[in-house]
Amino acid sequence: MRSCPTRPAHKPKNRLKDCLSNETQEWHCFGVVCSLALFGCSVGIHGTFAHRTYFDESRYKNYRKLGFVRGESCQTKIFYAFPYSDPSSTEEALRKAEEQYDNTIFLTDIAIENHTKWYFPYSKSCTVVTGIAYTAEKEE
């Protein structure tokens, strides 16, 4: 067993660093890098939904409010780090919100939220879209 080196009294003591060999420190760094890589692979980039923000109102008439809608897209992570499903997606949450009413043409008053629920031994990260759905008759 290796003994920890002693330092002169005038230098600050870092007992943990003094007791760990360079090889052990390298393995700790490797472990941190691998952990960060795992977390990076399980985080979804929400991307853009800008192609959905344009609405050609000249093609429709007689708009009607359908009601409040809510769509959710979630990802489960086992032991808080290992993804069990696809990352949560703003696009999927929007699609689920639009599907709540037949003939939904567009959504207004949209809010997009992200939240995480913690359980043992897993977590669930979700993207939630809320808004108001509208429909209209198509111009002939």
Foldseek 3Di string as FASTA:
>chain_A
DDDFDDDDPVDDDDRVVSPDDPVRVVVVVVVVVVQVVLQVVQADDQDDPVVQPDDDPVFWDDKDWDFKFKFKFKWKAFQARHTPDHHEYPVRRVVRRQVPDPQFDHWPPKDWDWDKDDDPRMIMIMIMIMTITMHTGGDD
